[in-house]
Amino acid sequence: MAVKIGVLALQGDFAEHAAMLTRVGAHPCEIRRPEQLEGLHGLIIPGGESTTIGKLMERYGFMAPLRARAHAGFPLWGTCAGLILMATNVGREQPLLGILDITVERNAFGRQIDSFETDVTVDGLIDGPLHAVFIRAPVVRRIAPAVAPIGRLADGTVVAVRSGRLFGTAFHPELTDDPRLHAMFVATAADA
């Protein structure tokens, strides 16, 4: 039986994650209501606009169930806006899950026009660096001891973290042709 991975489908690039999950042999499910969390092996919170996604998560009742699941060891992966939503601090008032003890700086590289692509070495991935797409991307500025930096830019800037079964990436791996991070997450979810 395929590993069933949800992709929060309230706003953002959820369809691209679903396509990548299919490529790595998982069964993706677009999640729009909290009751759809039942039976999942893991969940991806995609990129998009973090304030909008957070407000929709509050409106539809996702915050408490996701926090409870995260604390119980449920695999969650936030990409870009999803990373922001998983953080405990983003330096401004907005809805947050607060499940990764990190401080994130939103739009750390500038505006949309400042978006870029580069290679990132990610701990645990074999076969070399991962090509990463950064679109109005955040960066991780503070990391608690329970959180490990697993991906950095050449200048040392942290752009990927992991704490147990919680993953966060500042970039969009679903916008590339490289499925390795999705495969890593699916493997983590399968082992949970």
Protein backbone atom coordinates (compact mmCIF):
# COMPACT_ATOMS: atom_id res chain seq x y z
CA MET A 1 0.00 0.00 0.00
CA ALA A 2 1.31 3.44 -0.91
CA VAL A 3 2.19 5.95 1.77
CA LYS A 4 -0.65 8.48 2.00
CA ILE A 5 0.70 12.04 2.19
CA GLY A 6 -1.58 15.04 2.52
CA VAL A 7 -0.84 18.39 0.93
CA LEU A 8 -2.60 21.32 2.57
CA ALA A 9 -4.63 22.73 -0.31
CA LEU A 10 -5.95 26.02 1.04
CA GLN A 11 -3.68 28.31 -1.01
CA GLY A 12 -0.31 28.04 -2.70
CA ASP A 13 1.47 25.47 -4.84
CA PHE A 14 -0.15 22.28 -3.54
CA ALA A 15 -0.67 20.72 -7.00
CA GLU A 16 3.09 20.70 -7.67
CA HIS A 17 3.74 18.85 -4.40
CA ALA A 18 1.02 16.32 -5.24
CA ALA A 19 2.64 15.66 -8.63
CA MET A 20 6.06 15.16 -7.03
CA LEU A 21 4.61 12.80 -4.42
CA THR A 22 3.10 10.70 -7.18
CA ARG A 23 6.53 10.55 -8.85
CA VAL A 24 8.09 9.04 -5.72
CA GLY A 25 5.35 6.43 -5.33
CA ALA A 26 3.27 8.05 -2.59
CA HIS A 27 -0.48 8.59 -2.67
CA PRO A 28 -1.08 12.38 -2.44
CA CYS A 29 -4.30 13.78 -0.98
CA GLU A 30 -5.32 17.43 -1.22
CA ILE A 31 -6.44 18.44 2.28
CA ARG A 32 -9.02 21.20 2.74
CA ARG A 33 -10.75 20.17 6.00
CA PRO A 34 -9.27 18.95 9.32
CA GLU A 35 -11.23 15.68 9.21
CA GLN A 36 -9.24 14.78 6.06
CA LEU A 37 -6.12 14.46 8.24
CA GLU A 38 -7.32 11.04 9.42
CA GLY A 39 -5.42 8.15 7.86
CA LEU A 40 -2.51 10.26 6.59
CA HIS A 41 1.10 9.21 7.09
CA GLY A 42 2.34 12.82 6.79
CA LEU A 43 1.42 16.32 5.59
CA ILE A 44 3.13 18.99 3.48
CA ILE A 45 2.33 22.66 4.05
CA PRO A 46 3.21 24.26 0.70
CA GLY A 47 4.58 27.60 -0.34
CA GLY A 48 2.21 30.45 -1.03
CA GLU A 49 1.42 33.47 1.12
CA SER A 50 1.98 32.55 4.77
CA THR A 51 -0.42 35.08 6.32
CA THR A 52 -3.23 34.00 4.00
CA ILE A 53 -2.58 30.29 4.57
CA GLY A 54 -2.38 30.88 8.34
CA LYS A 55 -5.68 32.76 8.44
CA LEU A 56 -7.35 30.03 6.40
CA MET A 57 -5.88 27.38 8.71
CA GLU A 58 -7.40 29.24 11.67
CA ARG A 59 -10.76 29.70 9.92
CA TYR A 60 -11.06 26.03 8.99
CA GLY A 61 -9.83 24.69 12.33
CA PHE A 62 -6.42 23.24 11.40
CA MET A 63 -4.22 24.81 14.07
CA ALA A 64 -5.05 22.68 17.14
CA PRO A 65 -5.18 19.31 15.32
CA LEU A 66 -1.88 19.95 13.52
CA ARG A 67 -0.15 21.07 16.71
CA ALA A 68 -1.38 17.96 18.52
CA ARG A 69 -0.28 15.69 15.68
CA ALA A 70 3.15 17.35 15.46
CA HIS A 71 3.71 16.89 19.19
CA ALA A 72 2.71 13.23 18.81
CA GLY A 73 5.37 12.65 16.11
CA PHE A 74 3.29 13.11 12.95
CA PRO A 75 5.57 13.97 9.99
CA LEU A 76 5.10 17.53 8.72
CA TRP A 77 7.09 19.39 6.08
CA GLY A 78 6.74 23.09 5.40
CA THR A 79 8.16 24.63 2.23
CA CYS A 80 8.69 28.41 2.05
CA ALA A 81 5.40 29.74 3.49
CA GLY A 82 4.97 26.37 5.20
CA LEU A 83 8.33 26.83 6.96
CA ILE A 84 7.18 30.25 8.14
CA LEU A 85 3.93 28.77 9.50
CA MET A 86 5.78 26.03 11.40
CA ALA A 87 8.15 28.52 13.13
CA THR A 88 7.74 29.83 16.66
CA ASN A 89 8.80 33.37 15.72
CA VAL A 90 8.71 35.38 12.49
CA GLY A 91 9.19 38.84 13.98
CA ARG A 92 5.63 39.97 13.32
CA GLU A 93 2.07 39.13 14.30
CA GLN A 94 0.52 36.43 12.14
CA PRO A 95 -1.04 32.99 12.65
CA LEU A 96 1.64 30.35 13.31
CA LEU A 97 1.63 26.68 14.25
CA GLY A 98 4.73 27.31 16.39
CA ILE A 99 5.93 23.69 16.21
CA LEU A 100 9.54 24.28 15.06
CA ASP A 101 11.59 26.23 17.61
CA ILE A 102 13.16 28.59 15.11
CA THR A 103 13.03 32.26 14.18
CA VAL A 104 12.39 32.90 10.51
CA GLU A 105 12.86 36.12 8.57
CA ARG A 106 10.19 36.42 5.90
CA ASN A 107 11.18 37.62 2.41
CA ALA A 108 14.81 37.63 3.53
CA PHE A 109 16.23 37.94 0.01
CA GLY A 110 13.95 40.77 -1.09
CA ARG A 111 10.98 41.11 -3.37
CA GLN A 112 9.63 38.83 -6.11
CA ILE A 113 12.12 40.25 -8.61
CA ASP A 114 14.94 39.10 -6.31
CA SER A 115 13.92 35.42 -6.56
CA PHE A 116 16.72 33.08 -7.60
CA GLU A 117 17.88 29.48 -8.08
CA THR A 118 20.99 27.86 -6.66
CA ASP A 119 22.34 24.50 -5.53
CA VAL A 120 21.99 23.55 -1.86
CA THR A 121 23.68 20.65 -0.11
CA VAL A 122 21.11 18.93 2.12
CA ASP A 123 22.20 16.50 4.83
CA GLY A 124 20.92 13.00 4.13
CA LEU A 125 20.62 13.39 0.37
CA ILE A 126 22.98 11.36 -1.77
CA ASP A 127 24.08 12.15 -5.32
CA GLY A 128 25.15 15.74 -4.73
CA PRO A 129 23.49 19.09 -4.12
CA LEU A 130 19.82 19.81 -4.73
CA HIS A 131 18.87 22.55 -7.18
CA ALA A 132 16.65 24.92 -5.21
CA VAL A 133 14.17 27.63 -6.24
CA PHE A 134 13.87 30.62 -3.87
CA ILE A 135 10.80 32.83 -4.41
CA ARG A 136 10.44 35.66 -1.88
CA ALA A 137 12.04 33.12 0.40
CA PRO A 138 12.53 33.17 4.15
CA VAL A 139 15.71 32.23 6.00
CA VAL A 140 16.21 30.71 9.41
CA ARG A 141 17.88 33.21 11.77
CA ARG A 142 17.72 31.31 15.09
CA ILE A 143 17.67 27.58 15.76
CA ALA A 144 16.94 25.93 19.12
CA PRO A 145 19.13 22.98 20.17
CA ALA A 146 16.38 20.47 19.28
CA VAL A 147 16.39 21.65 15.65
CA ALA A 148 19.16 20.68 13.23
CA PRO A 149 20.20 22.81 10.26
CA ILE A 150 20.27 20.37 7.32
CA GLY A 151 20.71 22.76 4.39
CA ARG A 152 22.76 25.92 3.94
CA LEU A 153 23.65 28.30 1.18
CA ALA A 154 27.32 28.75 0.28
CA ASP A 155 27.53 31.71 2.69
CA GLY A 156 26.24 29.58 5.61
CA THR A 157 22.66 30.89 5.60
CA VAL A 158 20.34 28.17 6.92
CA VAL A 159 17.61 27.28 4.41
CA ALA A 160 16.55 23.80 5.60
CA VAL A 161 15.95 22.39 9.09
CA ARG A 162 14.75 19.21 10.74
CA SER A 163 13.53 18.34 14.20
CA GLY A 164 12.57 14.68 14.46
CA ARG A 165 9.82 14.19 11.87
CA LEU A 166 9.36 17.93 11.28
CA PHE A 167 11.05 19.32 8.15
CA GLY A 168 11.26 22.88 6.91
CA THR A 169 12.74 24.27 3.70
CA ALA A 170 12.93 27.91 2.65
CA PHE A 171 12.90 26.90 -1.01
CA HIS A 172 10.53 25.13 -3.40
CA PRO A 173 11.78 21.61 -4.26
CA GLU A 174 8.44 20.88 -5.95
CA LEU A 175 9.31 23.40 -8.68
CA THR A 176 12.35 21.40 -9.81
CA ASP A 177 12.75 18.03 -11.48
CA ASP A 178 14.53 16.56 -8.43
CA PRO A 179 12.30 14.31 -6.27
CA ARG A 180 14.89 13.44 -3.60
CA LEU A 181 13.50 15.63 -0.79
CA HIS A 182 10.00 14.33 -1.41
CA ALA A 183 11.36 10.78 -1.33
CA MET A 184 13.15 11.55 1.97
CA PHE A 185 9.93 12.90 3.49
CA VAL A 186 7.89 9.94 2.25
CA ALA A 187 10.46 7.53 3.74
CA THR A 188 10.25 9.37 7.09
CA ALA A 189 6.43 9.20 6.97
CA ALA A 190 6.51 5.50 6.10
CA ASP A 191 8.71 4.81 9.12
CA ALA A 192 6.52 6.84 11.52
